[in-house]
PDB file of all heavy atoms in Angstrom:
ATOM      1  N   TYR A   1     122.625 106.992 100.878  1.00  0.00           N
ATOM      2  CA  TYR A   1     121.248 107.031 101.379  1.00  0.00           C
ATOM      3  C   TYR A   1     120.741 105.613 101.597  1.00  0.00           C
ATOM      4  O   TYR A   1     120.994 104.715 100.797  1.00  0.00           O
ATOM      5  CB  TYR A   1     120.321 107.742 100.378  1.00  0.00           C
ATOM      6  CG  TYR A   1     120.685 109.174 100.106  1.00  0.00           C
ATOM      7  CD1 TYR A   1     121.580 109.494  99.089  1.00  0.00           C
ATOM      8  CD2 TYR A   1     120.148 110.210 100.865  1.00  0.00           C
ATOM      9  CE1 TYR A   1     121.921 110.817  98.830  1.00  0.00           C
ATOM     10  CE2 TYR A   1     120.476 111.537 100.610  1.00  0.00           C
ATOM     11  CZ  TYR A   1     121.367 111.822  99.595  1.00  0.00           C
ATOM     12  OH  TYR A   1     121.715 113.135  99.340  1.00  0.00           O
ATOM     13  N   LEU A   2     120.006 105.431 102.667  1.00  0.00           N
ATOM     14  CA  LEU A   2     119.420 104.143 102.999  1.00  0.00           C
ATOM     15  C   LEU A   2     117.914 104.185 102.755  1.00  0.00           C
ATOM     16  O   LEU A   2     117.259 105.196 103.055  1.00  0.00           O
ATOM     17  CB  LEU A   2     119.696 103.821 104.465  1.00  0.00           C
ATOM     18  CG  LEU A   2     119.504 102.383 104.954  1.00  0.00           C
ATOM     19  CD1 LEU A   2     120.445 101.436 104.212  1.00  0.00           C
ATOM     20  CD2 LEU A   2     119.742 102.294 106.454  1.00  0.00           C
ATOM     21  N   TYR A   3     117.392 103.121 102.179  1.00  0.00           N
ATOM     22  CA  TYR A   3     115.954 103.031 101.887  1.00  0.00           C
ATOM     23  C   TYR A   3     115.430 101.689 102.374  1.00  0.00           C
ATOM     24  O   TYR A   3     116.090 100.658 102.249  1.00  0.00           O
ATOM     25  CB  TYR A   3     115.690 103.157 100.385  1.00  0.00           C
ATOM     26  CG  TYR A   3     114.307 102.682  99.977  1.00  0.00           C
ATOM     27  CD1 TYR A   3     113.203 103.529 100.071  1.00  0.00           C
ATOM     28  CD2 TYR A   3     114.101 101.376  99.517  1.00  0.00           C
ATOM     29  CE1 TYR A   3     111.941 103.089  99.713  1.00  0.00           C
ATOM     30  CE2 TYR A   3     112.839 100.932  99.163  1.00  0.00           C
ATOM     31  CZ  TYR A   3     111.755 101.786  99.268  1.00  0.00           C
ATOM     32  OH  TYR A   3     110.496 101.345  98.930  1.00  0.00           O
ATOM     33  N   PHE A   4     114.198 101.694 102.941  1.00  0.00           N
ATOM     34  CA  PHE A   4     113.526 100.442 103.278  1.00  0.00           C
ATOM     35  C   PHE A   4     112.052 100.720 103.534  1.00  0.00           C
ATOM     36  O   PHE A   4     111.599 101.864 103.546  1.00  0.00           O
ATOM     37  CB  PHE A   4     114.163  99.766 104.510  1.00  0.00           C
ATOM     38  CG  PHE A   4     114.285 100.650 105.716  1.00  0.00           C
ATOM     39  CD1 PHE A   4     113.191 100.921 106.527  1.00  0.00           C
ATOM     40  CD2 PHE A   4     115.508 101.210 106.061  1.00  0.00           C
ATOM     41  CE1 PHE A   4     113.305 101.726 107.649  1.00  0.00           C
ATOM     42  CE2 PHE A   4     115.634 102.016 107.175  1.00  0.00           C
ATOM     43  CZ  PHE A   4     114.530 102.275 107.974  1.00  0.00           C
ATOM     44  N   ARG A   5     111.298  99.650 103.735  1.00  0.00           N
ATOM     45  CA  ARG A   5     109.882  99.742 104.130  1.00  0.00           C
ATOM     46  C   ARG A   5     109.667  98.886 105.372  1.00  0.00           C
ATOM     47  O   ARG A   5     110.268  97.834 105.520  1.00  0.00           O
ATOM     48  CB  ARG A   5     108.950  99.260 103.016  1.00  0.00           C
ATOM     49  CG  ARG A   5     108.833 100.209 101.857  1.00  0.00           C
ATOM     50  CD  ARG A   5     107.750  99.784 100.880  1.00  0.00           C
ATOM     51  NE  ARG A   5     108.021  98.472 100.305  1.00  0.00           N
ATOM     52  CZ  ARG A   5     107.132  97.493 100.222  1.00  0.00           C
ATOM     53  NH1 ARG A   5     105.914  97.650 100.727  1.00  0.00           N
ATOM     54  NH2 ARG A   5     107.444  96.344  99.673  1.00  0.00           N
ATOM     55  N   LEU A   6     108.799  99.350 106.241  1.00  0.00           N
ATOM     56  CA  LEU A   6     108.480  98.623 107.465  1.00  0.00           C
ATOM     57  C   LEU A   6     106.971  98.414 107.582  1.00  0.00           C
ATOM     58  O   LEU A   6     106.188  99.333 107.315  1.00  0.00           O
ATOM     59  CB  LEU A   6     108.984  99.388 108.692  1.00  0.00           C
ATOM     60  CG  LEU A   6     110.452  99.204 109.071  1.00  0.00           C
ATOM     61  CD1 LEU A   6     110.890 100.293 110.022  1.00  0.00           C
ATOM     62  CD2 LEU A   6     110.675  97.826 109.691  1.00  0.00           C
ATOM     63  N   LYS A   7     106.578  97.205 107.964  1.00  0.00           N
ATOM     64  CA  LYS A   7     105.171  96.891 108.218  1.00  0.00           C
ATOM     65  C   LYS A   7     105.058  96.234 109.585  1.00  0.00           C
ATOM     66  O   LYS A   7     105.904  95.425 109.973  1.00  0.00           O
ATOM     67  CB  LYS A   7     104.619  95.938 107.158  1.00  0.00           C
ATOM     68  CG  LYS A   7     104.492  96.529 105.764  1.00  0.00           C
ATOM     69  CD  LYS A   7     103.884  95.506 104.809  1.00  0.00           C
ATOM     70  CE  LYS A   7     103.728  96.067 103.417  1.00  0.00           C
ATOM     71  NZ  LYS A   7     103.145  95.063 102.473  1.00  0.00           N
ATOM     72  N   LYS A   8     103.997  96.579 110.274  1.00  0.00           N
ATOM     73  CA  LYS A   8     103.718  95.940 111.547  1.00  0.00           C
ATOM     74  C   LYS A   8     102.644  94.888 111.332  1.00  0.00           C
ATOM     75  O   LYS A   8     101.526  95.191 110.909  1.00  0.00           O
ATOM     76  CB  LYS A   8     103.266  96.967 112.581  1.00  0.00           C
ATOM     77  CG  LYS A   8     103.110  96.395 113.979  1.00  0.00           C
ATOM     78  CD  LYS A   8     102.784  97.486 114.985  1.00  0.00           C
ATOM     79  CE  LYS A   8     102.643  96.905 116.382  1.00  0.00           C
ATOM     80  NZ  LYS A   8     102.336  97.951 117.386  1.00  0.00           N
ATOM     81  N   VAL A   9     102.976  93.646 111.601  1.00  0.00           N
ATOM     82  CA  VAL A   9     102.062  92.526 111.360  1.00  0.00           C
ATOM     83  C   VAL A   9     101.014  92.476 112.459  1.00  0.00           C
ATOM     84  O   VAL A   9     101.331  92.605 113.651  1.00  0.00           O
ATOM     85  CB  VAL A   9     102.838  91.195 111.294  1.00  0.00           C
ATOM     86  CG1 VAL A   9     101.885  90.026 111.046  1.00  0.00           C
ATOM     87  CG2 VAL A   9     103.907  91.261 110.219  1.00  0.00           C
ATOM     88  N   GLY A  10      99.734  92.306 112.065  1.00  0.00           N
ATOM     89  CA  GLY A  10      98.663  92.164 113.039  1.00  0.00           C
ATOM     90  C   GLY A  10      98.120  93.471 113.566  1.00  0.00           C
ATOM     91  O   GLY A  10      97.336  93.475 114.529  1.00  0.00           O
ATOM     92  N   SER A  11      98.484  94.590 112.949  1.00  0.00           N
ATOM     93  CA  SER A  11      97.980  95.884 113.407  1.00  0.00           C
ATOM     94  C   SER A  11      96.527  96.055 112.990  1.00  0.00           C
ATOM     95  O   SER A  11      96.140  95.707 111.873  1.00  0.00           O
ATOM     96  CB  SER A  11      98.831  97.016 112.819  1.00  0.00           C
ATOM     97  OG  SER A  11      98.266  98.263 113.132  1.00  0.00           O
ATOM     98  N   PHE A  12      95.694  96.594 113.898  1.00  0.00           N
ATOM     99  CA  PHE A  12      94.291  96.851 113.568  1.00  0.00           C
ATOM    100  C   PHE A  12      94.156  98.051 112.632  1.00  0.00           C
ATOM    101  O   PHE A  12      93.182  98.175 111.897  1.00  0.00           O
ATOM    102  CB  PHE A  12      93.482  97.109 114.850  1.00  0.00           C
ATOM    103  CG  PHE A  12      93.350  95.877 115.707  1.00  0.00           C
ATOM    104  CD1 PHE A  12      94.092  95.731 116.861  1.00  0.00           C
ATOM    105  CD2 PHE A  12      92.492  94.855 115.347  1.00  0.00           C
ATOM    106  CE1 PHE A  12      93.980  94.594 117.647  1.00  0.00           C
ATOM    107  CE2 PHE A  12      92.365  93.714 116.126  1.00  0.00           C
ATOM    108  CZ  PHE A  12      93.107  93.583 117.288  1.00  0.00           C
ATOM    109  N   LEU A  13      95.126  98.943 112.677  1.00  0.00           N
ATOM    110  CA  LEU A  13      95.130 100.089 111.772  1.00  0.00           C
ATOM    111  C   LEU A  13      95.936  99.718 110.528  1.00  0.00           C
ATOM    112  O   LEU A  13      96.090  98.550 110.209  1.00  0.00           O
ATOM    113  CB  LEU A  13      95.719 101.302 112.489  1.00  0.00           C
ATOM    114  CG  LEU A  13      94.989 101.710 113.790  1.00  0.00           C
ATOM    115  CD1 LEU A  13      95.724 102.849 114.466  1.00  0.00           C
ATOM    116  CD2 LEU A  13      93.535 102.092 113.493  1.00  0.00           C
ATOM    117  N   SER A  14      96.434 100.711 109.792  1.00  0.00           N
ATOM    118  CA  SER A  14      97.258 100.438 108.615  1.00  0.00           C
ATOM    119  C   SER A  14      98.520  99.708 109.026  1.00  0.00           C
ATOM    120  O   SER A  14      99.160 100.080 110.023  1.00  0.00           O
ATOM    121  CB  SER A  14      97.616 101.746 107.908  1.00  0.00           C
ATOM    122  OG  SER A  14      98.568 101.503 106.888  1.00  0.00           O
ATOM    123  N   PRO A  15      98.908  98.662 108.273  1.00  0.00           N
ATOM    124  CA  PRO A  15     100.135  97.941 108.645  1.00  0.00           C
ATOM    125  C   PRO A  15     101.399  98.748 108.365  1.00  0.00           C
ATOM    126  O   PRO A  15     102.464  98.408 108.882  1.00  0.00           O
ATOM    127  CB  PRO A  15     100.076  96.697 107.762  1.00  0.00           C
ATOM    128  CG  PRO A  15      99.276  97.120 106.567  1.00  0.00           C
ATOM    129  CD  PRO A  15      98.243  98.082 107.097  1.00  0.00           C
ATOM    130  N   HIS A  16     101.273  99.810 107.565  1.00  0.00           N
ATOM    131  CA  HIS A  16     102.457 100.581 107.213  1.00  0.00           C
ATOM    132  C   HIS A  16     102.893 101.474 108.369  1.00  0.00           C
ATOM    133  O   HIS A  16     102.073 102.129 109.012  1.00  0.00           O
ATOM    134  CB  HIS A  16     102.193 101.437 105.967  1.00  0.00           C
ATOM    135  CG  HIS A  16     101.822 100.651 104.756  1.00  0.00           C
ATOM    136  ND1 HIS A  16     102.674  99.724 104.195  1.00  0.00           N
ATOM    137  CD2 HIS A  16     100.690 100.640 104.003  1.00  0.00           C
ATOM    138  CE1 HIS A  16     102.082  99.182 103.143  1.00  0.00           C
ATOM    139  NE2 HIS A  16     100.890  99.714 103.007  1.00  0.00           N
ATOM    140  N   ILE A  17     104.179 101.497 108.611  1.00  0.00           N
ATOM    141  CA  ILE A  17     104.725 102.358 109.644  1.00  0.00           C
ATOM    142  C   ILE A  17     104.648 103.811 109.183  1.00  0.00           C
ATOM    143  O   ILE A  17     104.919 104.124 108.028  1.00  0.00           O
ATOM    144  CB  ILE A  17     106.185 101.976 109.948  1.00  0.00           C
ATOM    145  CG1 ILE A  17     106.257 100.526 110.435  1.00  0.00           C
ATOM    146  CG2 ILE A  17     106.797 102.907 110.973  1.00  0.00           C
ATOM    147  CD1 ILE A  17     105.478 100.266 111.697  1.00  0.00           C
ATOM    148  N   SER A  18     104.288 104.706 110.072  1.00  0.00           N
ATOM    149  CA  SER A  18     104.188 106.126 109.733  1.00  0.00           C
ATOM    150  C   SER A  18     105.005 106.950 110.716  1.00  0.00           C
ATOM    151  O   SER A  18     105.522 106.436 111.726  1.00  0.00           O
ATOM    152  CB  SER A  18     102.725 106.588 109.767  1.00  0.00           C
ATOM    153  OG  SER A  18     102.237 106.601 111.096  1.00  0.00           O
ATOM    154  N   SER A  19     105.108 108.249 110.425  1.00  0.00           N
ATOM    155  CA  SER A  19     105.893 109.146 111.273  1.00  0.00           C
ATOM    156  C   SER A  19     105.261 109.323 112.650  1.00  0.00           C
ATOM    157  O   SER A  19     105.922 109.780 113.585  1.00  0.00           O
ATOM    158  CB  SER A  19     106.052 110.505 110.583  1.00  0.00           C
ATOM    159  OG  SER A  19     104.773 111.062 110.293  1.00  0.00           O
ATOM    160  N   THR A  20     103.987 108.967 112.793  1.00  0.00           N
ATOM    161  CA  THR A  20     103.317 109.105 114.090  1.00  0.00           C
ATOM    162  C   THR A  20     103.345 107.814 114.890  1.00  0.00           C
ATOM    163  O   THR A  20     102.821 107.771 116.008  1.00  0.00           O
ATOM    164  CB  THR A  20     101.860 109.541 113.883  1.00  0.00           C
ATOM    165  OG1 THR A  20     101.166 108.560 113.095  1.00  0.00           O
ATOM    166  CG2 THR A  20     101.798 110.892 113.170  1.00  0.00           C
ATOM    167  N   ASP A  21     103.947 106.766 114.341  1.00  0.00           N
ATOM    168  CA  ASP A  21     103.990 105.483 115.029  1.00  0.00           C
ATOM    169  C   ASP A  21     104.890 105.575 116.251  1.00  0.00           C
ATOM    170  O   ASP A  21     106.014 106.072 116.181  1.00  0.00           O
ATOM    171  CB  ASP A  21     104.502 104.392 114.082  1.00  0.00           C
ATOM    172  CG  ASP A  21     104.068 103.011 114.527  1.00  0.00           C
ATOM    173  OD1 ASP A  21     104.446 102.618 115.639  1.00  0.00           O
ATOM    174  OD2 ASP A  21     103.345 102.351 113.767  1.00  0.00           O
ATOM    175  N   THR A  22     104.405 105.110 117.352  1.00  0.00           N
ATOM    176  CA  THR A  22     105.169 105.185 118.609  1.00  0.00           C
ATOM    177  C   THR A  22     105.868 103.879 118.954  1.00  0.00           C
ATOM    178  O   THR A  22     106.519 103.781 119.994  1.00  0.00           O
ATOM    179  CB  THR A  22     104.241 105.577 119.772  1.00  0.00           C
ATOM    180  OG1 THR A  22     103.195 104.590 119.888  1.00  0.00           O
ATOM    181  CG2 THR A  22     103.633 106.950 119.538  1.00  0.00           C
ATOM    182  N   ASP A  23     105.737 102.863 118.089  1.00  0.00           N
ATOM    183  CA  ASP A  23     106.320 101.566 118.391  1.00  0.00           C
ATOM    184  C   ASP A  23     107.780 101.451 117.979  1.00  0.00           C
ATOM    185  O   ASP A  23     108.424 100.435 118.278  1.00  0.00           O
ATOM    186  CB  ASP A  23     105.524 100.450 117.702  1.00  0.00           C
ATOM    187  CG  ASP A  23     104.169 100.245 118.357  1.00  0.00           C
ATOM    188  OD1 ASP A  23     104.073 100.488 119.568  1.00  0.00           O
ATOM    189  OD2 ASP A  23     103.222  99.867 117.658  1.00  0.00           O
ATOM    190  N   LEU A  24     108.295 102.439 117.273  1.00  0.00           N
ATOM    191  CA  LEU A  24     109.698 102.376 116.888  1.00  0.00           C
ATOM    192  C   LEU A  24     110.216 103.770 116.576  1.00  0.00           C
ATOM    193  O   LEU A  24     109.453 104.704 116.330  1.00  0.00           O
ATOM    194  CB  LEU A  24     109.921 101.458 115.686  1.00  0.00           C
ATOM    195  CG  LEU A  24     109.423 101.898 114.311  1.00  0.00           C
ATOM    196  CD1 LEU A  24     110.065 101.031 113.243  1.00  0.00           C
ATOM    197  CD2 LEU A  24     107.921 101.796 114.205  1.00  0.00           C
ATOM    198  N   TYR A  25     111.542 103.920 116.617  1.00  0.00           N
ATOM    199  CA  TYR A  25     112.174 105.182 116.276  1.00  0.00           C
ATOM    200  C   TYR A  25     113.570 104.891 115.751  1.00  0.00           C
ATOM    201  O   TYR A  25     114.088 103.770 115.854  1.00  0.00           O
ATOM    202  CB  TYR A  25     112.225 106.140 117.473  1.00  0.00           C
ATOM    203  CG  TYR A  25     112.972 105.637 118.674  1.00  0.00           C
ATOM    204  CD1 TYR A  25     114.345 105.843 118.817  1.00  0.00           C
ATOM    205  CD2 TYR A  25     112.300 104.949 119.692  1.00  0.00           C
ATOM    206  CE1 TYR A  25     115.030 105.377 119.928  1.00  0.00           C
ATOM    207  CE2 TYR A  25     112.985 104.487 120.810  1.00  0.00           C
ATOM    208  CZ  TYR A  25     114.348 104.707 120.921  1.00  0.00           C
ATOM    209  OH  TYR A  25     115.027 104.236 122.015  1.00  0.00           O
ATOM    210  N   LEU A  26     114.198 105.917 115.153  1.00  0.00           N
ATOM    211  CA  LEU A  26     115.521 105.775 114.567  1.00  0.00           C
ATOM    212  C   LEU A  26     116.590 106.297 115.509  1.00  0.00           C
ATOM    213  O   LEU A  26     116.332 107.168 116.347  1.00  0.00           O
ATOM    214  CB  LEU A  26     115.601 106.541 113.240  1.00  0.00           C
ATOM    215  CG  LEU A  26     114.596 106.164 112.161  1.00  0.00           C
ATOM    216  CD1 LEU A  26     114.856 106.991 110.908  1.00  0.00           C
ATOM    217  CD2 LEU A  26     114.669 104.684 111.828  1.00  0.00           C
ATOM    218  N   LEU A  27     117.788 105.767 115.343  1.00  0.00           N
ATOM    219  CA  LEU A  27     118.964 106.267 116.057  1.00  0.00           C
ATOM    220  C   LEU A  27     120.051 106.560 115.025  1.00  0.00           C
ATOM    221  O   LEU A  27     120.441 105.663 114.261  1.00  0.00           O
ATOM    222  CB  LEU A  27     119.472 105.234 117.062  1.00  0.00           C
ATOM    223  CG  LEU A  27     118.655 105.053 118.343  1.00  0.00           C
ATOM    224  CD1 LEU A  27     119.120 103.801 119.066  1.00  0.00           C
ATOM    225  CD2 LEU A  27     118.800 106.278 119.245  1.00  0.00           C
ATOM    226  N   ILE A  28     120.517 107.807 114.969  1.00  0.00           N
ATOM    227  CA  ILE A  28     121.616 108.194 114.093  1.00  0.00           C
ATOM    228  C   ILE A  28     122.716 108.762 114.968  1.00  0.00           C
ATOM    229  O   ILE A  28     122.510 109.762 115.662  1.00  0.00           O
ATOM    230  CB  ILE A  28     121.164 109.202 113.021  1.00  0.00           C
ATOM    231  CG1 ILE A  28     120.088 108.570 112.125  1.00  0.00           C
ATOM    232  CG2 ILE A  28     122.354 109.663 112.177  1.00  0.00           C
ATOM    233  CD1 ILE A  28     119.565 109.490 111.032  1.00  0.00           C
ATOM    234  N   ASN A  29     123.857 108.083 114.958  1.00  0.00           N
ATOM    235  CA  ASN A  29     124.968 108.425 115.857  1.00  0.00           C
ATOM    236  C   ASN A  29     124.513 108.480 117.318  1.00  0.00           C
ATOM    237  O   ASN A  29     124.905 109.359 118.087  1.00  0.00           O
ATOM    238  CB  ASN A  29     125.610 109.750 115.448  1.00  0.00           C
ATOM    239  CG  ASN A  29     126.521 109.588 114.246  1.00  0.00           C
ATOM    240  OD1 ASN A  29     127.061 108.526 113.997  1.00  0.00           O
ATOM    241  ND2 ASN A  29     126.685 110.664 113.486  1.00  0.00           N
ATOM    242  N   GLY A  30     123.655 107.543 117.686  1.00  0.00           N
ATOM    243  CA  GLY A  30     123.204 107.426 119.062  1.00  0.00           C
ATOM    244  C   GLY A  30     122.118 108.401 119.467  1.00  0.00           C
ATOM    245  O   GLY A  30     121.606 108.318 120.585  1.00  0.00           O
ATOM    246  N   GLN A  31     121.747 109.312 118.553  1.00  0.00           N
ATOM    247  CA  GLN A  31     120.720 110.302 118.860  1.00  0.00           C
ATOM    248  C   GLN A  31     119.401 109.925 118.192  1.00  0.00           C
ATOM    249  O   GLN A  31     119.390 109.482 117.036  1.00  0.00           O
ATOM    250  CB  GLN A  31     121.158 111.698 118.396  1.00  0.00           C
ATOM    251  CG  GLN A  31     122.452 112.181 119.022  1.00  0.00           C
ATOM    252  CD  GLN A  31     122.340 112.333 120.526  1.00  0.00           C
ATOM    253  OE1 GLN A  31     121.366 112.874 121.043  1.00  0.00           O
ATOM    254  NE2 GLN A  31     123.365 111.847 121.241  1.00  0.00           N
ATOM    255  N   ARG A  32     118.322 110.112 118.929  1.00  0.00           N
ATOM    256  CA  ARG A  32     117.005 109.789 118.376  1.00  0.00           C
ATOM    257  C   ARG A  32     116.686 110.704 117.198  1.00  0.00           C
ATOM    258  O   ARG A  32     116.908 111.916 117.248  1.00  0.00           O
ATOM    259  CB  ARG A  32     115.949 109.931 119.465  1.00  0.00           C
ATOM    260  CG  ARG A  32     114.579 109.443 119.053  1.00  0.00           C
ATOM    261  CD  ARG A  32     113.710 109.228 120.268  1.00  0.00           C
ATOM    262  NE  ARG A  32     112.363 108.823 119.924  1.00  0.00           N
ATOM    263  CZ  ARG A  32     111.509 108.269 120.764  1.00  0.00           C
ATOM    264  NH1 ARG A  32     111.894 108.055 122.026  1.00  0.00           N
ATOM    265  NH2 ARG A  32     110.305 107.904 120.387  1.00  0.00           N
ATOM    266  N   ALA A  33     116.201 110.122 116.107  1.00  0.00           N
ATOM    267  CA  ALA A  33     115.907 110.868 114.884  1.00  0.00           C
ATOM    268  C   ALA A  33     114.491 110.567 114.442  1.00  0.00           C
ATOM    269  O   ALA A  33     113.954 109.480 114.703  1.00  0.00           O
ATOM    270  CB  ALA A  33     116.898 110.496 113.783  1.00  0.00           C
ATOM    271  N   PRO A  34     113.823 111.521 113.767  1.00  0.00           N
ATOM    272  CA  PRO A  34     112.447 111.287 113.334  1.00  0.00           C
ATOM    273  C   PRO A  34     112.364 110.246 112.229  1.00  0.00           C
ATOM    274  O   PRO A  34     113.263 110.136 111.391  1.00  0.00           O
ATOM    275  CB  PRO A  34     112.008 112.663 112.818  1.00  0.00           C
ATOM    276  CG  PRO A  34     113.280 113.351 112.434  1.00  0.00           C
ATOM    277  CD  PRO A  34     114.303 112.866 113.413  1.00  0.00           C
ATOM    278  N   LEU A  35     111.307 109.466 112.249  1.00  0.00           N
ATOM    279  CA  LEU A  35     111.037 108.475 111.203  1.00  0.00           C
ATOM    280  C   LEU A  35     109.970 109.066 110.283  1.00  0.00           C
ATOM    281  O   LEU A  35     108.779 108.975 110.559  1.00  0.00           O
ATOM    282  CB  LEU A  35     110.563 107.155 111.819  1.00  0.00           C
ATOM    283  CG  LEU A  35     110.172 106.049 110.841  1.00  0.00           C
ATOM    284  CD1 LEU A  35     111.380 105.629 110.008  1.00  0.00           C
ATOM    285  CD2 LEU A  35     109.610 104.840 111.576  1.00  0.00           C
ATOM    286  N   GLU A  36     110.400 109.695 109.218  1.00  0.00           N
ATOM    287  CA  GLU A  36     109.488 110.352 108.288  1.00  0.00           C
ATOM    288  C   GLU A  36     109.317 109.449 107.072  1.00  0.00           C
ATOM    289  O   GLU A  36     110.214 109.316 106.245  1.00  0.00           O
ATOM    290  CB  GLU A  36     110.032 111.719 107.893  1.00  0.00           C
ATOM    291  CG  GLU A  36     110.194 112.664 109.082  1.00  0.00           C
ATOM    292  CD  GLU A  36     110.830 113.978 108.699  1.00  0.00           C
ATOM    293  OE1 GLU A  36     111.263 114.114 107.536  1.00  0.00           O
ATOM    294  OE2 GLU A  36     110.911 114.874 109.558  1.00  0.00           O
ATOM    295  N   THR A  37     108.143 108.827 106.971  1.00  0.00           N
ATOM    296  CA  THR A  37     107.896 107.832 105.929  1.00  0.00           C
ATOM    297  C   THR A  37     106.897 108.341 104.909  1.00  0.00           C
ATOM    298  O   THR A  37     106.136 109.283 105.153  1.00  0.00           O
ATOM    299  CB  THR A  37     107.359 106.528 106.543  1.00  0.00           C
ATOM    300  OG1 THR A  37     106.109 106.798 107.189  1.00  0.00           O
ATOM    301  CG2 THR A  37     108.345 105.967 107.562  1.00  0.00           C
ATOM    302  N   LEU A  38     106.878 107.671 103.751  1.00  0.00           N
ATOM    303  CA  LEU A  38     105.861 107.903 102.733  1.00  0.00           C
ATOM    304  C   LEU A  38     104.607 107.114 103.112  1.00  0.00           C
ATOM    305  O   LEU A  38     104.635 106.257 103.998  1.00  0.00           O
ATOM    306  CB  LEU A  38     106.388 107.461 101.373  1.00  0.00           C
ATOM    307  CG  LEU A  38     107.640 108.205 100.872  1.00  0.00           C
ATOM    308  CD1 LEU A  38     108.122 107.611  99.547  1.00  0.00           C
ATOM    309  CD2 LEU A  38     107.361 109.689 100.717  1.00  0.00           C
ATOM    310  N   PRO A  39     103.471 107.383 102.442  1.00  0.00           N
ATOM    311  CA  PRO A  39     102.228 106.685 102.803  1.00  0.00           C
ATOM    312  C   PRO A  39     102.308 105.163 102.755  1.00  0.00           C
ATOM    313  O   PRO A  39     101.572 104.481 103.477  1.00  0.00           O
ATOM    314  CB  PRO A  39     101.222 107.229 101.782  1.00  0.00           C
ATOM    315  CG  PRO A  39     101.723 108.600 101.450  1.00  0.00           C
ATOM    316  CD  PRO A  39     103.213 108.473 101.468  1.00  0.00           C
ATOM    317  N   ASN A  40     103.174 104.618 101.900  1.00  0.00           N
ATOM    318  CA  ASN A  40     103.277 103.156 101.816  1.00  0.00           C
ATOM    319  C   ASN A  40     104.303 102.581 102.785  1.00  0.00           C
ATOM    320  O   ASN A  40     104.669 101.405 102.694  1.00  0.00           O
ATOM    321  CB  ASN A  40     103.624 102.732 100.388  1.00  0.00           C
ATOM    322  CG  ASN A  40     105.022 103.176  99.962  1.00  0.00           C
ATOM    323  OD1 ASN A  40     105.662 103.980 100.648  1.00  0.00           O
ATOM    324  ND2 ASN A  40     105.479 102.676  98.838  1.00  0.00           N
ATOM    325  N   GLY A  41     104.761 103.390 103.732  1.00  0.00           N
ATOM    326  CA  GLY A  41     105.711 102.911 104.726  1.00  0.00           C
ATOM    327  C   GLY A  41     107.158 102.965 104.293  1.00  0.00           C
ATOM    328  O   GLY A  41     108.041 102.524 105.027  1.00  0.00           O
ATOM    329  N   SER A  42     107.437 103.531 103.107  1.00  0.00           N
ATOM    330  CA  SER A  42     108.815 103.628 102.623  1.00  0.00           C
ATOM    331  C   SER A  42     109.561 104.729 103.372  1.00  0.00           C
ATOM    332  O   SER A  42     108.990 105.778 103.692  1.00  0.00           O
ATOM    333  CB  SER A  42     108.844 103.928 101.122  1.00  0.00           C
ATOM    334  OG  SER A  42     108.250 102.871 100.399  1.00  0.00           O
ATOM    335  N   TYR A  43     110.831 104.497 103.597  1.00  0.00           N
ATOM    336  CA  TYR A  43     111.656 105.461 104.315  1.00  0.00           C
ATOM    337  C   TYR A  43     112.922 105.725 103.527  1.00  0.00           C
ATOM    338  O   TYR A  43     113.624 104.800 103.106  1.00  0.00           O
ATOM    339  CB  TYR A  43     112.023 104.930 105.703  1.00  0.00           C
ATOM    340  CG  TYR A  43     113.098 105.751 106.391  1.00  0.00           C
ATOM    341  CD1 TYR A  43     112.790 106.972 106.991  1.00  0.00           C
ATOM    342  CD2 TYR A  43     114.423 105.314 106.417  1.00  0.00           C
ATOM    343  CE1 TYR A  43     113.782 107.736 107.606  1.00  0.00           C
ATOM    344  CE2 TYR A  43     115.410 106.067 107.044  1.00  0.00           C
ATOM    345  CZ  TYR A  43     115.083 107.272 107.631  1.00  0.00           C
ATOM    346  OH  TYR A  43     116.056 108.027 108.236  1.00  0.00           O
ATOM    347  N   TYR A  44     113.212 107.003 103.290  1.00  0.00           N
ATOM    348  CA  TYR A  44     114.477 107.434 102.705  1.00  0.00           C
ATOM    349  C   TYR A  44     115.233 108.216 103.770  1.00  0.00           C
ATOM    350  O   TYR A  44     114.723 109.211 104.289  1.00  0.00           O
ATOM    351  CB  TYR A  44     114.255 108.310 101.475  1.00  0.00           C
ATOM    352  CG  TYR A  44     113.767 107.560 100.255  1.00  0.00           C
ATOM    353  CD1 TYR A  44     112.402 107.412 100.022  1.00  0.00           C
ATOM    354  CD2 TYR A  44     114.660 106.996  99.350  1.00  0.00           C
ATOM    355  CE1 TYR A  44     111.940 106.732  98.905  1.00  0.00           C
ATOM    356  CE2 TYR A  44     114.199 106.310  98.236  1.00  0.00           C
ATOM    357  CZ  TYR A  44     112.844 106.178  98.010  1.00  0.00           C
ATOM    358  OH  TYR A  44     112.390 105.501  96.913  1.00  0.00           O
TER     359      TYR A  44
END
């Protein structure tokens, strides 16, 4: 399992990345995958 946290610097909203963020997405085996994060931006 891979774990990390992502923050967007200079965001007017919460700096923590969320599942509704449109600025980034995941790729697993070349296929787009959902980025489902915790409230503090942590991702498992």
